[in-house]
Each structure stands twice: as structure tokens, then as C-alpha cells.
């Protein structure tokens, strides 16, 4: 089965380093293969790519109430507005 995951695009209300620290402090969930953060050249945009071993492992995290609480309490306040999320199959590794 192909790797599955999501891409998050958001504007930061805090310095990138603060956001990155919060992401690093959270233990990796089961099934996460890779997670990457990109700081946009504008200094405010952050892009996160999160790749899971399967759609099921991604769905398990998305449905996890502890994850939702952590996101609402830690991550959402660091964002300037809502993040956009794009889920799908990772088809090519370069």
C-alpha cells in the first residue's frame, strides 16, 4: 500500500522557532514515517508535510481526541487563522 498523509499550510502568529519547538516536543504518533516543516521566505508561512505508513494510521491520529486537544491548545493559538489541510497518497519519492 502507498504511503498516505497530509500537507498543512498556515500563517504563523509566533516565530517559526517557537512553532518548530512545539512540534518537536510532541512524540511521533504510531505510523508516522516522516514529518517535515518548511518556513516560507515571507517569514510567516509554514508548510508541514506528514507522511504515514497507511491511510488507517493517519486516520487513527486524525480521530484521536488527545491529538485534537493538543492541536487546539498548543498549535492553533500559534496560527494566524485556520490552517488548510490537503490529504492524499504520496506517489513519488525523489
C-alpha atoms as a PDB file:
ATOM      1  CA  UNK A   1       0.000   0.000   0.000  1.00  0.00           C
ATOM      2  CA  UNK A   2       1.197   3.531  -0.766  1.00  0.00           C
ATOM      3  CA  UNK A   3       2.187   5.993   1.927  1.00  0.00           C
ATOM      4  CA  UNK A   4      -0.618   8.333   2.933  1.00  0.00           C
ATOM      5  CA  UNK A   5      -0.547  11.698   4.601  1.00  0.00           C
ATOM      6  CA  UNK A   6      -1.323  15.348   4.686  1.00  0.00           C
ATOM      7  CA  UNK A   7       0.114  18.743   3.911  1.00  0.00           C
ATOM      8  CA  UNK A   8      -0.678  21.660   6.183  1.00  0.00           C
ATOM      9  CA  UNK A   9      -0.341  25.273   5.047  1.00  0.00           C
ATOM     10  CA  UNK A  10      -0.751  28.059   7.588  1.00  0.00           C
ATOM     11  CA  UNK A  11       0.326  31.529   8.622  1.00  0.00           C
ATOM     12  CA  UNK A  12       2.158  31.805  11.922  1.00  0.00           C
ATOM     13  CA  UNK A  13       1.290  34.239  14.704  1.00  0.00           C
ATOM     14  CA  UNK A  14       4.537  33.323  16.513  1.00  0.00           C
ATOM     15  CA  UNK A  15       8.162  32.969  15.406  1.00  0.00           C
ATOM     16  CA  UNK A  16       8.848  29.829  13.366  1.00  0.00           C
ATOM     17  CA  UNK A  17      11.284  28.571  16.016  1.00  0.00           C
ATOM     18  CA  UNK A  18       8.541  28.557  18.658  1.00  0.00           C
ATOM     19  CA  UNK A  19       6.226  26.581  16.378  1.00  0.00           C
ATOM     20  CA  UNK A  20       9.018  24.177  15.444  1.00  0.00           C
ATOM     21  CA  UNK A  21       9.854  23.601  19.126  1.00  0.00           C
ATOM     22  CA  UNK A  22       6.227  22.732  19.928  1.00  0.00           C
ATOM     23  CA  UNK A  23       6.145  20.246  17.056  1.00  0.00           C
ATOM     24  CA  UNK A  24       9.432  18.634  18.131  1.00  0.00           C
ATOM     25  CA  UNK A  25       8.261  18.245  21.747  1.00  0.00           C
ATOM     26  CA  UNK A  26       5.259  16.141  20.702  1.00  0.00           C
ATOM     27  CA  UNK A  27       6.141  12.437  20.463  1.00  0.00           C
ATOM     28  CA  UNK A  28       5.719  10.945  16.998  1.00  0.00           C
ATOM     29  CA  UNK A  29       2.428   9.104  16.633  1.00  0.00           C
ATOM     30  CA  UNK A  30       2.311   5.453  15.592  1.00  0.00           C
ATOM     31  CA  UNK A  31       2.627   5.031  11.843  1.00  0.00           C
ATOM     32  CA  UNK A  32       4.330   8.368  11.138  1.00  0.00           C
ATOM     33  CA  UNK A  33       7.167   7.769   8.676  1.00  0.00           C
ATOM     34  CA  UNK A  34       8.307  11.351   8.053  1.00  0.00           C
ATOM     35  CA  UNK A  35       7.380  14.833   9.141  1.00  0.00           C
ATOM     36  CA  UNK A  36       8.838  17.980   7.627  1.00  0.00           C
ATOM     37  CA  UNK A  37       8.323  21.681   8.274  1.00  0.00           C
ATOM     38  CA  UNK A  38       9.143  24.437   5.817  1.00  0.00           C
ATOM     39  CA  UNK A  39       9.467  28.085   6.794  1.00  0.00           C
ATOM     40  CA  UNK A  40       8.291  30.269   3.938  1.00  0.00           C
ATOM     41  CA  UNK A  41      10.532  33.055   2.702  1.00  0.00           C
ATOM     42  CA  UNK A  42       7.923  35.552   3.900  1.00  0.00           C
ATOM     43  CA  UNK A  43       8.697  34.508   7.487  1.00  0.00           C
ATOM     44  CA  UNK A  44       5.036  33.865   8.276  1.00  0.00           C
ATOM     45  CA  UNK A  45       4.034  30.879   6.160  1.00  0.00           C
ATOM     46  CA  UNK A  46       4.638  27.367   7.443  1.00  0.00           C
ATOM     47  CA  UNK A  47       4.124  24.209   5.415  1.00  0.00           C
ATOM     48  CA  UNK A  48       4.087  20.829   7.106  1.00  0.00           C
ATOM     49  CA  UNK A  49       4.247  17.503   5.281  1.00  0.00           C
ATOM     50  CA  UNK A  50       3.356  14.438   7.320  1.00  0.00           C
ATOM     51  CA  UNK A  51       3.707  11.006   5.763  1.00  0.00           C
ATOM     52  CA  UNK A  52       2.181   7.894   7.328  1.00  0.00           C
ATOM     53  CA  UNK A  53       2.589   4.214   6.516  1.00  0.00           C
ATOM     54  CA  UNK A  54      -1.107   3.923   5.657  1.00  0.00           C
ATOM     55  CA  UNK A  55      -4.412   5.743   5.432  1.00  0.00           C
ATOM     56  CA  UNK A  56      -5.507   3.819   8.540  1.00  0.00           C
ATOM     57  CA  UNK A  57      -2.584   5.064  10.653  1.00  0.00           C
ATOM     58  CA  UNK A  58      -3.270   8.641   9.518  1.00  0.00           C
ATOM     59  CA  UNK A  59      -6.990   8.256  10.241  1.00  0.00           C
ATOM     60  CA  UNK A  60      -6.225   6.889  13.715  1.00  0.00           C
ATOM     61  CA  UNK A  61      -4.309  10.077  14.531  1.00  0.00           C
ATOM     62  CA  UNK A  62      -6.942  12.315  12.962  1.00  0.00           C
ATOM     63  CA  UNK A  63      -9.616  10.621  15.107  1.00  0.00           C
ATOM     64  CA  UNK A  64      -7.552  10.722  18.317  1.00  0.00           C
ATOM     65  CA  UNK A  65      -9.125  13.012  20.947  1.00  0.00           C
ATOM     66  CA  UNK A  66      -5.765  13.630  22.667  1.00  0.00           C
ATOM     67  CA  UNK A  67      -4.338  14.815  19.340  1.00  0.00           C
ATOM     68  CA  UNK A  68      -7.310  17.134  18.793  1.00  0.00           C
ATOM     69  CA  UNK A  69      -6.898  18.591  22.284  1.00  0.00           C
ATOM     70  CA  UNK A  70      -3.140  19.135  21.794  1.00  0.00           C
ATOM     71  CA  UNK A  71      -3.734  20.818  18.438  1.00  0.00           C
ATOM     72  CA  UNK A  72      -6.449  23.092  19.880  1.00  0.00           C
ATOM     73  CA  UNK A  73      -4.440  24.044  22.964  1.00  0.00           C
ATOM     74  CA  UNK A  74      -0.883  24.212  21.592  1.00  0.00           C
ATOM     75  CA  UNK A  75      -0.799  24.569  17.815  1.00  0.00           C
ATOM     76  CA  UNK A  76      -3.946  26.516  16.890  1.00  0.00           C
ATOM     77  CA  UNK A  77      -3.050  29.501  19.129  1.00  0.00           C
ATOM     78  CA  UNK A  78       0.266  29.797  17.261  1.00  0.00           C
ATOM     79  CA  UNK A  79      -1.505  30.223  13.933  1.00  0.00           C
ATOM     80  CA  UNK A  80      -2.879  33.379  12.372  1.00  0.00           C
ATOM     81  CA  UNK A  81      -6.217  31.909  11.285  1.00  0.00           C
ATOM     82  CA  UNK A  82      -7.005  28.351  10.289  1.00  0.00           C
ATOM     83  CA  UNK A  83      -4.579  26.010   8.580  1.00  0.00           C
ATOM     84  CA  UNK A  84      -5.544  24.363   5.318  1.00  0.00           C
ATOM     85  CA  UNK A  85      -5.040  20.610   5.029  1.00  0.00           C
ATOM     86  CA  UNK A  86      -4.600  18.529   1.884  1.00  0.00           C
ATOM     87  CA  UNK A  87      -4.773  14.752   2.394  1.00  0.00           C
ATOM     88  CA  UNK A  88      -3.761  12.120  -0.107  1.00  0.00           C
ATOM     89  CA  UNK A  89      -1.435   9.398  -1.340  1.00  0.00           C
ATOM     90  CA  UNK A  90       2.278  10.129  -1.659  1.00  0.00           C
ATOM     91  CA  UNK A  91       3.005   8.773  -5.124  1.00  0.00           C
ATOM     92  CA  UNK A  92       6.643   9.615  -5.783  1.00  0.00           C
ATOM     93  CA  UNK A  93       9.798   9.947  -3.752  1.00  0.00           C
ATOM     94  CA  UNK A  94      12.565  11.948  -5.401  1.00  0.00           C
END
